[in-house]
Structures are given as C-alpha cells and as structure tokens.
PDB file of N, CA and C in Angstrom:
ATOM      1  N   MET A   1      17.027  43.562  39.576  1.00  0.00           N
ATOM      2  CA  MET A   1      17.313  43.996  40.935  1.00  0.00           C
ATOM      3  C   MET A   1      16.847  45.439  41.098  1.00  0.00           C
ATOM      4  N   ARG A   2      16.283  45.703  42.264  1.00  0.00           N
ATOM      5  CA  ARG A   2      15.905  47.070  42.613  1.00  0.00           C
ATOM      6  C   ARG A   2      16.379  47.322  44.032  1.00  0.00           C
ATOM      7  N   GLU A   3      17.260  48.286  44.178  1.00  0.00           N
ATOM      8  CA  GLU A   3      17.830  48.614  45.483  1.00  0.00           C
ATOM      9  C   GLU A   3      18.430  47.376  46.150  1.00  0.00           C
ATOM     10  N   GLY A   4      19.095  46.538  45.359  1.00  0.00           N
ATOM     11  CA  GLY A   4      19.775  45.367  45.889  1.00  0.00           C
ATOM     12  C   GLY A   4      18.900  44.147  46.130  1.00  0.00           C
ATOM     13  N   SER A   5      17.597  44.253  45.845  1.00  0.00           N
ATOM     14  CA  SER A   5      16.693  43.121  46.051  1.00  0.00           C
ATOM     15  C   SER A   5      16.101  42.678  44.719  1.00  0.00           C
ATOM     16  N   PRO A   6      15.980  41.381  44.524  1.00  0.00           N
ATOM     17  CA  PRO A   6      15.382  40.915  43.266  1.00  0.00           C
ATOM     18  C   PRO A   6      13.879  41.184  43.246  1.00  0.00           C
ATOM     19  N   ILE A   7      13.385  41.640  42.089  1.00  0.00           N
ATOM     20  CA  ILE A   7      11.943  41.859  41.948  1.00  0.00           C
ATOM     21  C   ILE A   7      11.366  41.010  40.819  1.00  0.00           C
ATOM     22  N   GLY A   8      12.217  40.225  40.169  1.00  0.00           N
ATOM     23  CA  GLY A   8      11.748  39.367  39.100  1.00  0.00           C
ATOM     24  C   GLY A   8      12.876  38.516  38.559  1.00  0.00           C
ATOM     25  N   VAL A   9      12.496  37.593  37.699  1.00  0.00           N
ATOM     26  CA  VAL A   9      13.471  36.665  37.135  1.00  0.00           C
ATOM     27  C   VAL A   9      13.160  36.485  35.651  1.00  0.00           C
ATOM     28  N   ILE A  10      14.203  36.446  34.850  1.00  0.00           N
ATOM     29  CA  ILE A  10      14.072  36.114  33.434  1.00  0.00           C
ATOM     30  C   ILE A  10      14.794  34.791  33.241  1.00  0.00           C
ATOM     31  N   VAL A  11      14.099  33.839  32.659  1.00  0.00           N
ATOM     32  CA  VAL A  11      14.680  32.510  32.460  1.00  0.00           C
ATOM     33  C   VAL A  11      14.873  32.277  30.961  1.00  0.00           C
ATOM     34  N   LEU A  12      16.067  31.839  30.581  1.00  0.00           N
ATOM     35  CA  LEU A  12      16.379  31.480  29.199  1.00  0.00           C
ATOM     36  C   LEU A  12      16.883  30.046  29.181  1.00  0.00           C
ATOM     37  N   TRP A  13      16.499  29.301  28.168  1.00  0.00           N
ATOM     38  CA  TRP A  13      17.015  27.945  28.035  1.00  0.00           C
ATOM     39  C   TRP A  13      17.124  27.587  26.565  1.00  0.00           C
ATOM     40  N   ARG A  14      17.902  26.554  26.336  1.00  0.00           N
ATOM     41  CA  ARG A  14      18.094  26.030  24.984  1.00  0.00           C
ATOM     42  C   ARG A  14      17.889  24.527  25.007  1.00  0.00           C
ATOM     43  N   LYS A  15      17.588  24.010  23.851  1.00  0.00           N
ATOM     44  CA  LYS A  15      17.473  22.556  23.756  1.00  0.00           C
ATOM     45  C   LYS A  15      18.857  21.910  23.819  1.00  0.00           C
ATOM     46  N   ARG A  16      19.821  22.583  23.213  1.00  0.00           N
ATOM     47  CA  ARG A  16      21.199  22.084  23.278  1.00  0.00           C
ATOM     48  C   ARG A  16      21.991  22.907  24.286  1.00  0.00           C
ATOM     49  N   VAL A  17      22.753  22.242  25.118  1.00  0.00           N
ATOM     50  CA  VAL A  17      23.531  22.939  26.133  1.00  0.00           C
ATOM     51  C   VAL A  17      24.753  23.570  25.477  1.00  0.00           C
ATOM     52  N   ARG A  18      24.859  24.884  25.590  1.00  0.00           N
ATOM     53  CA  ARG A  18      26.025  25.628  25.132  1.00  0.00           C
ATOM     54  C   ARG A  18      25.938  27.020  25.746  1.00  0.00           C
ATOM     55  N   PRO A  19      27.051  27.674  25.918  1.00  0.00           N
ATOM     56  CA  PRO A  19      27.034  28.990  26.575  1.00  0.00           C
ATOM     57  C   PRO A  19      26.409  30.057  25.657  1.00  0.00           C
ATOM     58  N   PHE A  20      25.839  31.078  26.311  1.00  0.00           N
ATOM     59  CA  PHE A  20      25.329  32.222  25.571  1.00  0.00           C
ATOM     60  C   PHE A  20      26.503  33.129  25.200  1.00  0.00           C
ATOM     61  N   THR A  21      26.370  33.840  24.109  1.00  0.00           N
ATOM     62  CA  THR A  21      27.434  34.766  23.702  1.00  0.00           C
ATOM     63  C   THR A  21      27.375  36.009  24.567  1.00  0.00           C
ATOM     64  N   ASP A  22      28.463  36.758  24.573  1.00  0.00           N
ATOM     65  CA  ASP A  22      28.492  38.016  25.332  1.00  0.00           C
ATOM     66  C   ASP A  22      27.407  38.970  24.833  1.00  0.00           C
ATOM     67  N   LYS A  23      27.181  39.004  23.539  1.00  0.00           N
ATOM     68  CA  LYS A  23      26.162  39.883  22.966  1.00  0.00           C
ATOM     69  C   LYS A  23      24.760  39.469  23.440  1.00  0.00           C
ATOM     70  N   GLN A  24      24.491  38.182  23.497  1.00  0.00           N
ATOM     71  CA  GLN A  24      23.198  37.701  23.982  1.00  0.00           C
ATOM     72  C   GLN A  24      22.998  38.047  25.452  1.00  0.00           C
ATOM     73  N   ILE A  25      24.044  37.873  26.233  1.00  0.00           N
ATOM     74  CA  ILE A  25      23.974  38.199  27.662  1.00  0.00           C
ATOM     75  C   ILE A  25      23.749  39.696  27.839  1.00  0.00           C
ATOM     76  N   GLU A  26      24.444  40.492  27.062  1.00  0.00           N
ATOM     77  CA  GLU A  26      24.278  41.948  27.132  1.00  0.00           C
ATOM     78  C   GLU A  26      22.846  42.347  26.758  1.00  0.00           C
ATOM     79  N   LEU A  27      22.285  41.718  25.727  1.00  0.00           N
ATOM     80  CA  LEU A  27      20.924  42.016  25.299  1.00  0.00           C
ATOM     81  C   LEU A  27      19.911  41.690  26.396  1.00  0.00           C
ATOM     82  N   VAL A  28      20.054  40.536  27.004  1.00  0.00           N
ATOM     83  CA  VAL A  28      19.118  40.138  28.067  1.00  0.00           C
ATOM     84  C   VAL A  28      19.295  41.032  29.299  1.00  0.00           C
ATOM     85  N   THR A  29      20.518  41.401  29.603  1.00  0.00           N
ATOM     86  CA  THR A  29      20.773  42.301  30.736  1.00  0.00           C
ATOM     87  C   THR A  29      20.118  43.657  30.493  1.00  0.00           C
ATOM     88  N   THR A  30      20.240  44.166  29.281  1.00  0.00           N
ATOM     89  CA  THR A  30      19.601  45.442  28.936  1.00  0.00           C
ATOM     90  C   THR A  30      18.084  45.323  29.047  1.00  0.00           C
ATOM     91  N   PHE A  31      17.550  44.216  28.545  1.00  0.00           N
ATOM     92  CA  PHE A  31      16.111  43.984  28.646  1.00  0.00           C
ATOM     93  C   PHE A  31      15.664  43.953  30.110  1.00  0.00           C
ATOM     94  N   ALA A  32      16.419  43.282  30.948  1.00  0.00           N
ATOM     95  CA  ALA A  32      16.087  43.196  32.378  1.00  0.00           C
ATOM     96  C   ALA A  32      16.137  44.582  33.024  1.00  0.00           C
ATOM     97  N   ASP A  33      17.157  45.374  32.675  1.00  0.00           N
ATOM     98  CA  ASP A  33      17.258  46.727  33.219  1.00  0.00           C
ATOM     99  C   ASP A  33      16.045  47.565  32.813  1.00  0.00           C
ATOM    100  N   GLN A  34      15.629  47.449  31.555  1.00  0.00           N
ATOM    101  CA  GLN A  34      14.476  48.191  31.069  1.00  0.00           C
ATOM    102  C   GLN A  34      13.190  47.721  31.766  1.00  0.00           C
ATOM    103  N   ALA A  35      13.096  46.441  32.022  1.00  0.00           N
ATOM    104  CA  ALA A  35      11.920  45.905  32.722  1.00  0.00           C
ATOM    105  C   ALA A  35      11.838  46.470  34.134  1.00  0.00           C
ATOM    106  N   VAL A  36      12.969  46.565  34.808  1.00  0.00           N
ATOM    107  CA  VAL A  36      12.992  47.125  36.163  1.00  0.00           C
ATOM    108  C   VAL A  36      12.549  48.585  36.129  1.00  0.00           C
ATOM    109  N   ILE A  37      13.019  49.328  35.143  1.00  0.00           N
ATOM    110  CA  ILE A  37      12.630  50.729  35.012  1.00  0.00           C
ATOM    111  C   ILE A  37      11.124  50.837  34.779  1.00  0.00           C
ATOM    112  N   ALA A  38      10.591  49.990  33.905  1.00  0.00           N
ATOM    113  CA  ALA A  38       9.148  50.017  33.631  1.00  0.00           C
ATOM    114  C   ALA A  38       8.339  49.679  34.880  1.00  0.00           C
ATOM    115  N   ILE A  39       8.763  48.677  35.611  1.00  0.00           N
ATOM    116  CA  ILE A  39       8.066  48.289  36.852  1.00  0.00           C
ATOM    117  C   ILE A  39       8.118  49.418  37.865  1.00  0.00           C
ATOM    118  N   GLU A  40       9.263  50.062  38.003  1.00  0.00           N
ATOM    119  CA  GLU A  40       9.412  51.182  38.939  1.00  0.00           C
ATOM    120  C   GLU A  40       8.537  52.358  38.514  1.00  0.00           C
ATOM    121  N   ASN A  41       8.457  52.616  37.213  1.00  0.00           N
ATOM    122  CA  ASN A  41       7.604  53.698  36.727  1.00  0.00           C
ATOM    123  C   ASN A  41       6.138  53.442  37.058  1.00  0.00           C
ATOM    124  N   VAL A  42       5.693  52.217  36.921  1.00  0.00           N
ATOM    125  CA  VAL A  42       4.312  51.874  37.269  1.00  0.00           C
ATOM    126  C   VAL A  42       4.084  52.064  38.757  1.00  0.00           C
ATOM    127  N   ARG A  43       5.045  51.642  39.566  1.00  0.00           N
ATOM    128  CA  ARG A  43       4.914  51.805  41.018  1.00  0.00           C
ATOM    129  C   ARG A  43       4.824  53.288  41.385  1.00  0.00           C
ATOM    130  N   LEU A  44       5.687  54.117  40.781  1.00  0.00           N
ATOM    131  CA  LEU A  44       5.669  55.551  41.057  1.00  0.00           C
ATOM    132  C   LEU A  44       4.372  56.192  40.566  1.00  0.00           C
ATOM    133  N   PHE A  45       3.892  55.770  39.405  1.00  0.00           N
ATOM    134  CA  PHE A  45       2.635  56.301  38.885  1.00  0.00           C
ATOM    135  C   PHE A  45       1.486  55.972  39.829  1.00  0.00           C
ATOM    136  N   ASP A  46       1.431  54.742  40.314  1.00  0.00           N
ATOM    137  CA  ASP A  46       0.388  54.345  41.261  1.00  0.00           C
ATOM    138  C   ASP A  46       0.473  55.162  42.548  1.00  0.00           C
ATOM    139  N   GLU A  47       1.699  55.403  43.004  1.00  0.00           N
ATOM    140  CA  GLU A  47       1.903  56.196  44.219  1.00  0.00           C
ATOM    141  C   GLU A  47       1.413  57.631  44.011  1.00  0.00           C
ATOM    142  N   ILE A  48       1.708  58.205  42.851  1.00  0.00           N
ATOM    143  CA  ILE A  48       1.266  59.570  42.546  1.00  0.00           C
ATOM    144  C   ILE A  48      -0.255  59.620  42.457  1.00  0.00           C
ATOM    145  N   GLN A  49      -0.856  58.603  41.831  1.00  0.00           N
ATOM    146  CA  GLN A  49      -2.325  58.546  41.738  1.00  0.00           C
ATOM    147  C   GLN A  49      -2.944  58.500  43.133  1.00  0.00           C
ATOM    148  N   ASP A  50      -2.360  57.708  44.030  1.00  0.00           N
ATOM    149  CA  ASP A  50      -2.872  57.590  45.391  1.00  0.00           C
ATOM    150  C   ASP A  50      -2.747  58.925  46.126  1.00  0.00           C
ATOM    151  N   LYS A  51      -1.595  59.580  45.996  1.00  0.00           N
ATOM    152  CA  LYS A  51      -1.393  60.885  46.645  1.00  0.00           C
ATOM    153  C   LYS A  51      -2.358  61.916  46.089  1.00  0.00           C
ATOM    154  N   SER A  52      -2.623  61.867  44.783  1.00  0.00           N
ATOM    155  CA  SER A  52      -3.570  62.806  44.172  1.00  0.00           C
ATOM    156  C   SER A  52      -4.965  62.610  44.745  1.00  0.00           C
ATOM    157  N   ARG A  53      -5.381  61.354  44.913  1.00  0.00           N
ATOM    158  CA  ARG A  53      -6.688  61.075  45.516  1.00  0.00           C
ATOM    159  C   ARG A  53      -6.750  61.600  46.955  1.00  0.00           C
ATOM    160  N   GLN A  54      -5.666  61.401  47.702  1.00  0.00           N
ATOM    161  CA  GLN A  54      -5.636  61.883  49.082  1.00  0.00           C
ATOM    162  C   GLN A  54      -5.723  63.406  49.129  1.00  0.00           C
ATOM    163  N   LEU A  55      -5.003  64.085  48.230  1.00  0.00           N
ATOM    164  CA  LEU A  55      -5.050  65.551  48.192  1.00  0.00           C
ATOM    165  C   LEU A  55      -6.436  66.053  47.793  1.00  0.00           C
ATOM    166  N   GLU A  56      -7.074  65.365  46.876  1.00  0.00           N
ATOM    167  CA  GLU A  56      -8.422  65.755  46.456  1.00  0.00           C
ATOM    168  C   GLU A  56      -9.397  65.623  47.618  1.00  0.00           C
ATOM    169  N   MET A  57      -9.291  64.525  48.364  1.00  0.00           N
ATOM    170  CA  MET A  57     -10.168  64.339  49.527  1.00  0.00           C
ATOM    171  C   MET A  57      -9.905  65.404  50.580  1.00  0.00           C
ATOM    172  N   ALA A  58      -8.641  65.727  50.825  1.00  0.00           N
ATOM    173  CA  ALA A  58      -8.298  66.752  51.807  1.00  0.00           C
ATOM    174  C   ALA A  58      -8.846  68.111  51.379  1.00  0.00           C
ATOM    175  N   SER A  59      -8.755  68.414  50.094  1.00  0.00           N
ATOM    176  CA  SER A  59      -9.282  69.679  49.586  1.00  0.00           C
ATOM    177  C   SER A  59     -10.796  69.751  49.746  1.00  0.00           C
ATOM    178  N   GLU A  60     -11.488  68.661  49.448  1.00  0.00           N
ATOM    179  CA  GLU A  60     -12.940  68.625  49.619  1.00  0.00           C
ATOM    180  C   GLU A  60     -13.318  68.808  51.089  1.00  0.00           C
ATOM    181  N   ASN A  61     -12.589  68.129  51.985  1.00  0.00           N
ATOM    182  CA  ASN A  61     -12.863  68.264  53.423  1.00  0.00           C
ATOM    183  C   ASN A  61     -12.621  69.695  53.894  1.00  0.00           C
ATOM    184  N   LYS A  62     -11.560  70.315  53.404  1.00  0.00           N
ATOM    185  CA  LYS A  62     -11.260  71.698  53.770  1.00  0.00           C
ATOM    186  C   LYS A  62     -12.383  72.618  53.295  1.00  0.00           C
ATOM    187  N   SER A  63     -12.842  72.414  52.065  1.00  0.00           N
ATOM    188  CA  SER A  63     -13.911  73.259  51.516  1.00  0.00           C
ATOM    189  C   SER A  63     -15.195  73.107  52.332  1.00  0.00           C
ATOM    190  N   ARG A  64     -15.537  71.864  52.689  1.00  0.00           N
ATOM    191  CA  ARG A  64     -16.736  71.630  53.504  1.00  0.00           C
ATOM    192  C   ARG A  64     -16.605  72.302  54.873  1.00  0.00           C
ATOM    193  N   PHE A  65     -15.411  72.185  55.480  1.00  0.00           N
ATOM    194  CA  PHE A  65     -15.178  72.789  56.789  1.00  0.00           C
ATOM    195  C   PHE A  65     -15.327  74.307  56.715  1.00  0.00           C
ATOM    196  N   LEU A  66     -14.686  74.923  55.702  1.00  0.00           N
ATOM    197  CA  LEU A  66     -14.761  76.383  55.587  1.00  0.00           C
ATOM    198  C   LEU A  66     -16.182  76.852  55.308  1.00  0.00           C
ATOM    199  N   SER A  67     -16.902  76.098  54.502  1.00  0.00           N
ATOM    200  CA  SER A  67     -18.295  76.449  54.214  1.00  0.00           C
ATOM    201  C   SER A  67     -19.136  76.384  55.486  1.00  0.00           C
ATOM    202  N   SER A  68     -18.936  75.320  56.255  1.00  0.00           N
ATOM    203  CA  SER A  68     -19.677  75.150  57.499  1.00  0.00           C
ATOM    204  C   SER A  68     -19.316  76.247  58.506  1.00  0.00           C
ATOM    205  N   MET A  69     -18.035  76.527  58.640  1.00  0.00           N
ATOM    206  CA  MET A  69     -17.597  77.549  59.597  1.00  0.00           C
ATOM    207  C   MET A  69     -18.103  78.926  59.182  1.00  0.00           C
ATOM    208  N   SER A  70     -18.108  79.197  57.889  1.00  0.00           N
ATOM    209  CA  SER A  70     -18.609  80.476  57.400  1.00  0.00           C
ATOM    210  C   SER A  70     -20.067  80.651  57.784  1.00  0.00           C
ATOM    211  N   HIS A  71     -20.848  79.601  57.600  1.00  0.00           N
ATOM    212  CA  HIS A  71     -22.269  79.654  57.946  1.00  0.00           C
ATOM    213  C   HIS A  71     -22.443  79.809  59.456  1.00  0.00           C
ATOM    214  N   GLU A  72     -21.667  79.042  60.232  1.00  0.00           N
ATOM    215  CA  GLU A  72     -21.778  79.084  61.699  1.00  0.00           C
ATOM    216  C   GLU A  72     -21.365  80.446  62.252  1.00  0.00           C
ATOM    217  N   LEU A  73     -20.414  81.112  61.628  1.00  0.00           N
ATOM    218  CA  LEU A  73     -19.978  82.431  62.104  1.00  0.00           C
ATOM    219  C   LEU A  73     -20.898  83.544  61.606  1.00  0.00           C
ATOM    220  N   ARG A  74     -21.454  83.382  60.436  1.00  0.00           N
ATOM    221  CA  ARG A  74     -22.282  84.430  59.830  1.00  0.00           C
ATOM    222  C   ARG A  74     -23.530  84.717  60.672  1.00  0.00           C
ATOM    223  N   THR A  75     -24.179  83.693  61.181  1.00  0.00           N
ATOM    224  CA  THR A  75     -25.423  83.878  61.931  1.00  0.00           C
ATOM    225  C   THR A  75     -25.202  84.713  63.195  1.00  0.00           C
ATOM    226  N   PRO A  76     -24.245  84.351  64.062  1.00  0.00           N
ATOM    227  CA  PRO A  76     -24.050  85.197  65.264  1.00  0.00           C
ATOM    228  C   PRO A  76     -23.524  86.581  64.917  1.00  0.00           C
ATOM    229  N   LEU A  77     -22.678  86.683  63.903  1.00  0.00           N
ATOM    230  CA  LEU A  77     -22.140  88.002  63.539  1.00  0.00           C
ATOM    231  C   LEU A  77     -23.247  88.916  63.026  1.00  0.00           C
ATOM    232  N   ASN A  78     -24.171  88.360  62.249  1.00  0.00           N
ATOM    233  CA  ASN A  78     -25.301  89.159  61.772  1.00  0.00           C
ATOM    234  C   ASN A  78     -26.158  89.643  62.940  1.00  0.00           C
ATOM    235  N   ALA A  79     -26.319  88.813  63.954  1.00  0.00           N
ATOM    236  CA  ALA A  79     -27.089  89.215  65.140  1.00  0.00           C
ATOM    237  C   ALA A  79     -26.375  90.337  65.883  1.00  0.00           C
ATOM    238  N   ILE A  80     -25.066  90.217  66.011  1.00  0.00           N
ATOM    239  CA  ILE A  80     -24.286  91.259  66.711  1.00  0.00           C
ATOM    240  C   ILE A  80     -24.347  92.575  65.920  1.00  0.00           C
ATOM    241  N   ILE A  81     -24.206  92.491  64.630  1.00  0.00           N
ATOM    242  CA  ILE A  81     -24.266  93.682  63.796  1.00  0.00           C
ATOM    243  C   ILE A  81     -25.647  94.330  63.897  1.00  0.00           C
ATOM    244  N   GLY A  82     -26.680  93.491  63.899  1.00  0.00           N
ATOM    245  CA  GLY A  82     -28.046  94.008  64.044  1.00  0.00           C
ATOM    246  C   GLY A  82     -28.263  94.714  65.374  1.00  0.00           C
ATOM    247  N   LEU A  83     -27.698  94.178  66.450  1.00  0.00           N
ATOM    248  CA  LEU A  83     -27.844  94.789  67.770  1.00  0.00           C
ATOM    249  C   LEU A  83     -27.070  96.094  67.874  1.00  0.00           C
ATOM    250  N   THR A  84     -25.934  96.181  67.213  1.00  0.00           N
ATOM    251  CA  THR A  84     -25.117  97.394  67.324  1.00  0.00           C
ATOM    252  C   THR A  84     -25.666  98.530  66.478  1.00  0.00           C
ATOM    253  N   GLU A  85     -26.509  98.216  65.482  1.00  0.00           N
ATOM    254  CA  GLU A  85     -27.088  99.282  64.664  1.00  0.00           C
ATOM    255  C   GLU A  85     -28.230  99.839  65.422  1.00  0.00           C
TER     256      GLU A  85
END
C-alpha cells in the first residue's frame, strides 16, 4: 500500500492447506514494506531525473537568450558610443 492505495500484490500458496505462522506473516509483511519503499525510491529518482533535465534545458535557454540579447544590445550601444566620442 502507498498512501492508502494498493500498488502491488504478493501471492503465497501451499500445496497443503494450513495457516501461515505469525513469523511467516511478519516476514512477508516486512518484505512487502521494503518493496513499497524500493518502488517509491525509483519513482522519486525518476522524478528528480526529469526535473534535472528540465532545469538543464531552462539553463541552456537562459544562456542562449542572454547571449543573443548581449549581441543585440552591443551593436546599438557601440554606435551610440561612437557618435558621442
């Protein structure tokens, strides 16, 4: 379970019908809890990877914009400076 919703199922069966011991149930419950943690960690890792890609693209776009604006401003400013000298 994750946030009250099932995200997977573990199925156990035996050839002979008999109840599982408390220790066996505890072991499988612990295993299920660890599986949920592992699945959540993968989901969070994927989310972080996606955000990192988005930030990298935003940084590249910002750099291109600043480079372009610098060039666009430099030409008229150089002309103004030349006229004032």
